[in-house]
Amino acid sequence: AGGSADPRWGPGAIPDLVAGKEDRAVQTLSIWKDLEAVGAFAYQGKHSEALRRRRDWFSERASYSDHAAWWIPRDRYPTWEEAVERHQYLADHGPTAQVFTLRSPFDRNGDPTTFEPAKINAYHKKSRK
């Protein structure tokens, strides 16, 4: 199972969504300041280059979302177990205020929202320095 050197994440866990394909499951668990910070990382720069090439490494398109996002209190770390539960909830119910995708985000108040392009560009400019 996956895991982390940081004990605050808890023991690693793999979602049932990837049952039988654990050897090809790529998992990360990270904390971001806001939607635009993760958007800048995901959709610009080196990570976006890798996303464009993902078909080179993964021949099948998954039947579930490749990521799950949710808001956490500033003083708390999510665990792998929580991440797996949220990812399953997303697969079962679609994007909600409890767990969502970057294509269908919700704000901290639980309302559907969109990215602020100016903030994404500002993050991207900072990361290139």
N, C-alpha and C. Protein backbone atom coordinates (compact mmCIF):
# COMPACT_ATOMS: atom_id res chain seq x y z
N ALA A 1 0.84 -1.19 0.00
CA ALA A 1 0.00 0.00 0.00
C ALA A 1 0.88 1.24 0.00
N GLY A 2 0.30 2.35 -0.44
CA GLY A 2 1.02 3.61 -0.46
C GLY A 2 1.31 4.07 0.93
N GLY A 3 1.98 5.17 1.06
CA GLY A 3 2.29 5.66 2.38
C GLY A 3 3.03 6.96 2.29
N SER A 4 3.52 7.38 3.42
CA SER A 4 4.21 8.65 3.49
C SER A 4 5.22 8.62 4.61
N ALA A 5 6.28 9.38 4.45
CA ALA A 5 7.27 9.49 5.51
C ALA A 5 6.72 10.33 6.66
N ASP A 6 5.71 11.14 6.42
CA ASP A 6 5.14 12.01 7.45
C ASP A 6 4.05 11.24 8.20
N PRO A 7 4.24 10.99 9.50
CA PRO A 7 3.26 10.18 10.23
C PRO A 7 1.89 10.84 10.35
N ARG A 8 1.77 12.12 10.11
CA ARG A 8 0.46 12.78 10.20
C ARG A 8 -0.50 12.27 9.13
N TRP A 9 0.01 11.71 8.04
CA TRP A 9 -0.85 11.20 6.97
C TRP A 9 -1.47 9.87 7.35
N GLY A 10 -0.90 9.18 8.33
CA GLY A 10 -1.41 7.87 8.71
C GLY A 10 -0.88 6.79 7.79
N PRO A 11 -1.26 5.54 8.04
CA PRO A 11 -0.80 4.45 7.17
C PRO A 11 -1.39 4.58 5.78
N GLY A 12 -0.65 4.06 4.81
CA GLY A 12 -1.11 4.11 3.43
C GLY A 12 -2.38 3.32 3.22
N ALA A 13 -3.11 3.66 2.18
CA ALA A 13 -4.35 2.97 1.84
C ALA A 13 -4.56 3.09 0.33
N ILE A 14 -5.17 2.09 -0.25
CA ILE A 14 -5.46 2.09 -1.69
C ILE A 14 -6.96 1.93 -1.87
N PRO A 15 -7.56 2.78 -2.70
CA PRO A 15 -9.02 2.69 -2.89
C PRO A 15 -9.45 1.41 -3.59
N ASP A 16 -10.63 0.94 -3.26
CA ASP A 16 -11.21 -0.21 -3.97
C ASP A 16 -11.36 0.09 -5.45
N LEU A 17 -11.39 1.37 -5.80
CA LEU A 17 -11.54 1.76 -7.20
C LEU A 17 -10.45 1.17 -8.09
N VAL A 18 -9.29 0.92 -7.52
CA VAL A 18 -8.18 0.39 -8.31
C VAL A 18 -7.93 -1.09 -8.05
N ALA A 19 -8.90 -1.76 -7.45
CA ALA A 19 -8.76 -3.19 -7.15
C ALA A 19 -8.31 -3.95 -8.39
N GLY A 20 -7.28 -4.76 -8.20
CA GLY A 20 -6.74 -5.54 -9.30
C GLY A 20 -5.74 -4.79 -10.15
N LYS A 21 -5.60 -3.50 -9.91
CA LYS A 21 -4.66 -2.68 -10.69
C LYS A 21 -3.72 -1.90 -9.77
N GLU A 22 -3.53 -2.41 -8.57
CA GLU A 22 -2.73 -1.70 -7.57
C GLU A 22 -1.33 -1.37 -8.07
N ASP A 23 -0.77 -2.25 -8.91
CA ASP A 23 0.58 -2.02 -9.40
C ASP A 23 0.66 -0.83 -10.35
N ARG A 24 -0.47 -0.36 -10.83
CA ARG A 24 -0.49 0.81 -11.73
C ARG A 24 -1.13 2.03 -11.09
N ALA A 25 -1.46 1.92 -9.82
CA ALA A 25 -2.10 3.03 -9.12
C ALA A 25 -1.04 4.06 -8.73
N VAL A 26 -1.26 5.28 -9.13
CA VAL A 26 -0.38 6.38 -8.77
C VAL A 26 -1.16 7.26 -7.80
N GLN A 27 -0.62 7.44 -6.61
CA GLN A 27 -1.34 8.19 -5.59
C GLN A 27 -0.45 9.27 -4.99
N THR A 28 -1.06 10.40 -4.74
CA THR A 28 -0.41 11.46 -3.98
C THR A 28 -1.43 12.02 -3.01
N LEU A 29 -0.95 12.56 -1.94
CA LEU A 29 -1.81 13.23 -0.96
C LEU A 29 -1.08 14.52 -0.62
N SER A 30 -1.70 15.63 -0.91
CA SER A 30 -1.03 16.91 -0.69
C SER A 30 -2.02 17.96 -0.23
N ILE A 31 -1.49 19.00 0.37
CA ILE A 31 -2.30 20.12 0.87
C ILE A 31 -1.92 21.36 0.08
N TRP A 32 -2.93 22.10 -0.36
CA TRP A 32 -2.72 23.31 -1.14
C TRP A 32 -3.43 24.48 -0.46
N LYS A 33 -2.91 25.66 -0.68
CA LYS A 33 -3.46 26.87 -0.05
C LYS A 33 -4.87 27.17 -0.54
N ASP A 34 -5.08 27.03 -1.84
CA ASP A 34 -6.38 27.32 -2.44
C ASP A 34 -6.50 26.61 -3.78
N LEU A 35 -7.65 26.74 -4.41
CA LEU A 35 -7.88 26.08 -5.69
C LEU A 35 -6.90 26.54 -6.76
N GLU A 36 -6.60 27.83 -6.77
CA GLU A 36 -5.73 28.35 -7.80
C GLU A 36 -4.30 27.82 -7.68
N ALA A 37 -3.84 27.59 -6.45
CA ALA A 37 -2.50 27.05 -6.26
C ALA A 37 -2.38 25.65 -6.86
N VAL A 38 -3.35 24.79 -6.57
CA VAL A 38 -3.31 23.45 -7.15
C VAL A 38 -3.60 23.51 -8.65
N GLY A 39 -4.46 24.43 -9.08
CA GLY A 39 -4.73 24.59 -10.51
C GLY A 39 -3.49 24.99 -11.28
N ALA A 40 -2.72 25.91 -10.74
CA ALA A 40 -1.49 26.34 -11.40
C ALA A 40 -0.52 25.17 -11.50
N PHE A 41 -0.40 24.39 -10.43
CA PHE A 41 0.48 23.24 -10.46
C PHE A 41 0.00 22.20 -11.47
N ALA A 42 -1.28 21.87 -11.40
CA ALA A 42 -1.82 20.78 -12.22
C ALA A 42 -1.86 21.10 -13.71
N TYR A 43 -2.19 22.33 -14.05
CA TYR A 43 -2.48 22.64 -15.44
C TYR A 43 -1.46 23.52 -16.14
N GLN A 44 -0.38 23.85 -15.45
CA GLN A 44 0.68 24.63 -16.09
C GLN A 44 2.02 24.02 -15.72
N GLY A 45 3.02 24.27 -16.52
CA GLY A 45 4.37 23.81 -16.19
C GLY A 45 4.58 22.33 -16.41
N LYS A 46 5.54 21.79 -15.67
CA LYS A 46 5.98 20.39 -15.84
C LYS A 46 4.86 19.38 -15.62
N HIS A 47 4.01 19.61 -14.63
CA HIS A 47 2.94 18.66 -14.36
C HIS A 47 1.97 18.59 -15.54
N SER A 48 1.65 19.71 -16.13
CA SER A 48 0.74 19.69 -17.27
C SER A 48 1.37 18.96 -18.46
N GLU A 49 2.69 19.07 -18.60
CA GLU A 49 3.38 18.33 -19.66
C GLU A 49 3.23 16.82 -19.42
N ALA A 50 3.38 16.41 -18.17
CA ALA A 50 3.21 14.99 -17.84
C ALA A 50 1.77 14.55 -18.07
N LEU A 51 0.80 15.40 -17.72
CA LEU A 51 -0.61 15.05 -17.96
C LEU A 51 -0.88 14.80 -19.44
N ARG A 52 -0.30 15.63 -20.27
CA ARG A 52 -0.51 15.45 -21.71
C ARG A 52 0.08 14.13 -22.22
N ARG A 53 1.07 13.60 -21.51
CA ARG A 53 1.72 12.35 -21.94
C ARG A 53 1.22 11.13 -21.18
N ARG A 54 0.19 11.28 -20.35
CA ARG A 54 -0.24 10.15 -19.51
C ARG A 54 -0.65 8.93 -20.31
N ARG A 55 -1.12 9.11 -21.52
CA ARG A 55 -1.50 7.96 -22.36
C ARG A 55 -0.27 7.11 -22.72
N ASP A 56 0.93 7.71 -22.64
CA ASP A 56 2.15 6.96 -22.89
C ASP A 56 2.39 5.93 -21.78
N TRP A 57 1.90 6.21 -20.58
CA TRP A 57 2.15 5.35 -19.43
C TRP A 57 0.93 4.53 -19.04
N PHE A 58 -0.26 5.04 -19.31
CA PHE A 58 -1.49 4.36 -18.92
C PHE A 58 -2.33 4.13 -20.16
N SER A 59 -2.48 2.86 -20.54
CA SER A 59 -3.20 2.56 -21.78
C SER A 59 -4.71 2.67 -21.62
N GLU A 60 -5.21 2.42 -20.41
CA GLU A 60 -6.65 2.48 -20.17
C GLU A 60 -7.03 3.80 -19.51
N ARG A 61 -8.16 4.32 -19.91
CA ARG A 61 -8.71 5.49 -19.21
C ARG A 61 -9.54 4.97 -18.04
N ALA A 62 -9.31 5.52 -16.89
CA ALA A 62 -10.03 5.08 -15.69
C ALA A 62 -11.52 5.44 -15.79
N SER A 63 -12.34 4.63 -15.16
CA SER A 63 -13.79 4.89 -15.15
C SER A 63 -14.17 5.81 -13.99
N TYR A 64 -13.20 6.28 -13.24
CA TYR A 64 -13.43 7.15 -12.09
C TYR A 64 -12.49 8.36 -12.19
N SER A 65 -12.75 9.37 -11.42
CA SER A 65 -11.91 10.56 -11.43
C SER A 65 -10.50 10.20 -10.94
N ASP A 66 -9.51 10.80 -11.57
CA ASP A 66 -8.13 10.52 -11.17
C ASP A 66 -7.69 11.35 -9.96
N HIS A 67 -8.58 12.16 -9.43
CA HIS A 67 -8.26 12.94 -8.23
C HIS A 67 -9.53 13.27 -7.46
N ALA A 68 -9.33 13.60 -6.21
CA ALA A 68 -10.43 14.03 -5.33
C ALA A 68 -9.90 15.19 -4.49
N ALA A 69 -10.70 16.22 -4.34
CA ALA A 69 -10.29 17.40 -3.56
C ALA A 69 -11.36 17.73 -2.54
N TRP A 70 -10.92 18.28 -1.42
CA TRP A 70 -11.87 18.73 -0.39
C TRP A 70 -11.15 19.74 0.49
N TRP A 71 -11.94 20.52 1.19
CA TRP A 71 -11.40 21.54 2.08
C TRP A 71 -11.16 20.93 3.45
N ILE A 72 -10.08 21.35 4.09
CA ILE A 72 -9.78 20.90 5.46
C ILE A 72 -9.51 22.13 6.32
N PRO A 73 -9.71 22.02 7.63
CA PRO A 73 -9.32 23.11 8.52
C PRO A 73 -7.81 23.34 8.42
N ARG A 74 -7.37 24.55 8.59
CA ARG A 74 -5.96 24.89 8.44
C ARG A 74 -5.04 24.15 9.41
N ASP A 75 -5.57 23.71 10.53
CA ASP A 75 -4.73 23.08 11.55
C ASP A 75 -4.82 21.55 11.54
N ARG A 76 -5.34 20.97 10.47
CA ARG A 76 -5.52 19.52 10.42
C ARG A 76 -4.91 18.93 9.15
N TYR A 77 -4.37 17.74 9.28
CA TYR A 77 -3.86 17.01 8.12
C TYR A 77 -4.85 15.91 7.75
N PRO A 78 -5.09 15.70 6.46
CA PRO A 78 -5.92 14.56 6.07
C PRO A 78 -5.10 13.28 6.20
N THR A 79 -5.77 12.15 6.25
CA THR A 79 -5.08 10.86 6.29
C THR A 79 -5.34 10.13 4.98
N TRP A 80 -4.51 9.12 4.73
CA TRP A 80 -4.74 8.29 3.55
C TRP A 80 -6.12 7.63 3.62
N GLU A 81 -6.50 7.19 4.81
CA GLU A 81 -7.81 6.55 4.97
C GLU A 81 -8.93 7.51 4.57
N GLU A 82 -8.84 8.75 5.03
CA GLU A 82 -9.84 9.75 4.67
C GLU A 82 -9.83 9.99 3.16
N ALA A 83 -8.65 10.06 2.58
CA ALA A 83 -8.55 10.29 1.13
C ALA A 83 -9.24 9.18 0.35
N VAL A 84 -9.02 7.94 0.76
CA VAL A 84 -9.64 6.80 0.09
C VAL A 84 -11.17 6.88 0.23
N GLU A 85 -11.65 7.20 1.44
CA GLU A 85 -13.10 7.31 1.65
C GLU A 85 -13.69 8.42 0.79
N ARG A 86 -13.02 9.54 0.73
CA ARG A 86 -13.53 10.66 -0.07
C ARG A 86 -13.52 10.32 -1.56
N HIS A 87 -12.46 9.66 -2.00
CA HIS A 87 -12.39 9.29 -3.42
C HIS A 87 -13.53 8.33 -3.78
N GLN A 88 -13.82 7.39 -2.90
CA GLN A 88 -14.93 6.47 -3.14
C GLN A 88 -16.26 7.22 -3.15
N TYR A 89 -16.42 8.15 -2.23
CA TYR A 89 -17.65 8.96 -2.18
C TYR A 89 -17.82 9.73 -3.50
N LEU A 90 -16.74 10.28 -4.00
CA LEU A 90 -16.79 11.00 -5.28
C LEU A 90 -17.22 10.05 -6.41
N ALA A 91 -16.67 8.86 -6.42
CA ALA A 91 -17.03 7.88 -7.46
C ALA A 91 -18.51 7.50 -7.37
N ASP A 92 -19.02 7.40 -6.15
CA ASP A 92 -20.41 6.98 -5.94
C ASP A 92 -21.42 8.10 -6.16
N HIS A 93 -21.05 9.35 -5.82
CA HIS A 93 -22.03 10.45 -5.80
C HIS A 93 -21.70 11.61 -6.74
N GLY A 94 -20.52 11.62 -7.32
CA GLY A 94 -20.11 12.75 -8.15
C GLY A 94 -19.66 13.92 -7.28
N PRO A 95 -19.25 15.02 -7.92
CA PRO A 95 -18.75 16.17 -7.17
C PRO A 95 -19.83 16.79 -6.27
N THR A 96 -19.45 17.01 -5.02
CA THR A 96 -20.32 17.65 -4.03
C THR A 96 -19.44 18.58 -3.19
N ALA A 97 -20.04 19.29 -2.27
CA ALA A 97 -19.26 20.14 -1.37
C ALA A 97 -18.34 19.30 -0.48
N GLN A 98 -18.66 18.02 -0.27
CA GLN A 98 -17.84 17.14 0.57
C GLN A 98 -16.56 16.71 -0.12
N VAL A 99 -16.62 16.50 -1.42
CA VAL A 99 -15.48 16.08 -2.22
C VAL A 99 -15.79 16.41 -3.67
N PHE A 100 -14.80 16.94 -4.37
CA PHE A 100 -15.05 17.43 -5.72
C PHE A 100 -13.82 17.24 -6.60
N THR A 101 -13.95 17.62 -7.84
CA THR A 101 -12.83 17.57 -8.77
C THR A 101 -12.43 19.00 -9.12
N LEU A 102 -11.29 19.15 -9.75
CA LEU A 102 -10.87 20.48 -10.17
C LEU A 102 -11.73 20.99 -11.33
N ARG A 103 -12.37 20.08 -12.03
CA ARG A 103 -13.29 20.51 -13.11
C ARG A 103 -14.64 20.95 -12.57
N SER A 104 -14.99 20.50 -11.38
CA SER A 104 -16.26 20.87 -10.73
C SER A 104 -15.99 21.26 -9.28
N PRO A 105 -15.27 22.37 -9.07
CA PRO A 105 -14.87 22.72 -7.69
C PRO A 105 -15.98 23.39 -6.88
N PHE A 106 -15.81 23.33 -5.57
CA PHE A 106 -16.67 24.00 -4.61
C PHE A 106 -15.79 24.89 -3.75
N ASP A 107 -16.33 26.00 -3.27
CA ASP A 107 -15.55 26.87 -2.39
C ASP A 107 -15.65 26.38 -0.95
N ARG A 108 -14.97 27.07 -0.05
CA ARG A 108 -14.94 26.67 1.37
C ARG A 108 -16.33 26.70 2.01
N ASN A 109 -17.25 27.48 1.44
CA ASN A 109 -18.61 27.56 1.98
C ASN A 109 -19.53 26.48 1.42
N GLY A 110 -19.01 25.67 0.50
CA GLY A 110 -19.81 24.59 -0.07
C GLY A 110 -20.59 24.97 -1.31
N ASP A 111 -20.25 26.12 -1.90
CA ASP A 111 -20.92 26.56 -3.12
C ASP A 111 -20.08 26.25 -4.34
N PRO A 112 -20.73 25.85 -5.45
CA PRO A 112 -19.96 25.65 -6.69
C PRO A 112 -19.20 26.92 -7.04
N THR A 113 -18.01 26.76 -7.59
CA THR A 113 -17.17 27.91 -7.89
C THR A 113 -16.37 27.65 -9.15
N THR A 114 -15.57 28.62 -9.54
CA THR A 114 -14.65 28.48 -10.66
C THR A 114 -13.29 29.02 -10.23
N PHE A 115 -12.29 28.72 -11.01
CA PHE A 115 -10.95 29.24 -10.75
C PHE A 115 -10.88 30.72 -11.11
N GLU A 116 -10.00 31.43 -10.41
CA GLU A 116 -9.71 32.81 -10.75
C GLU A 116 -8.45 32.82 -11.60
N PRO A 117 -8.58 33.03 -12.93
CA PRO A 117 -7.42 32.95 -13.82
C PRO A 117 -6.26 33.87 -13.41
N ALA A 118 -6.54 35.05 -12.92
CA ALA A 118 -5.46 35.96 -12.53
C ALA A 118 -4.63 35.35 -11.39
N LYS A 119 -5.29 34.69 -10.44
CA LYS A 119 -4.55 34.06 -9.34
C LYS A 119 -3.71 32.88 -9.84
N ILE A 120 -4.26 32.10 -10.76
CA ILE A 120 -3.50 30.98 -11.32
C ILE A 120 -2.26 31.50 -12.02
N ASN A 121 -2.42 32.54 -12.81
CA ASN A 121 -1.27 33.11 -13.51
C ASN A 121 -0.23 33.66 -12.54
N ALA A 122 -0.69 34.27 -11.45
CA ALA A 122 0.24 34.79 -10.45
C ALA A 122 1.03 33.64 -9.81
N TYR A 123 0.37 32.55 -9.47
CA TYR A 123 1.07 31.39 -8.91
C TYR A 123 2.08 30.84 -9.91
N HIS A 124 1.66 30.76 -11.16
CA HIS A 124 2.54 30.21 -12.19
C HIS A 124 3.79 31.08 -12.35
N LYS A 125 3.60 32.38 -12.35
CA LYS A 125 4.75 33.29 -12.47
C LYS A 125 5.70 33.12 -11.30
N LYS A 126 5.16 32.98 -10.09
CA LYS A 126 5.99 32.78 -8.90
C LYS A 126 6.80 31.48 -9.00
N SER A 127 6.17 30.43 -9.52
CA SER A 127 6.83 29.14 -9.58
C SER A 127 7.94 29.10 -10.61
N ARG A 128 7.92 30.00 -11.57
CA ARG A 128 8.94 30.01 -12.63
C ARG A 128 10.17 30.80 -12.22
N LYS A 129 10.14 31.48 -11.10
CA LYS A 129 11.29 32.29 -10.67
C LYS A 129 12.39 31.43 -10.12
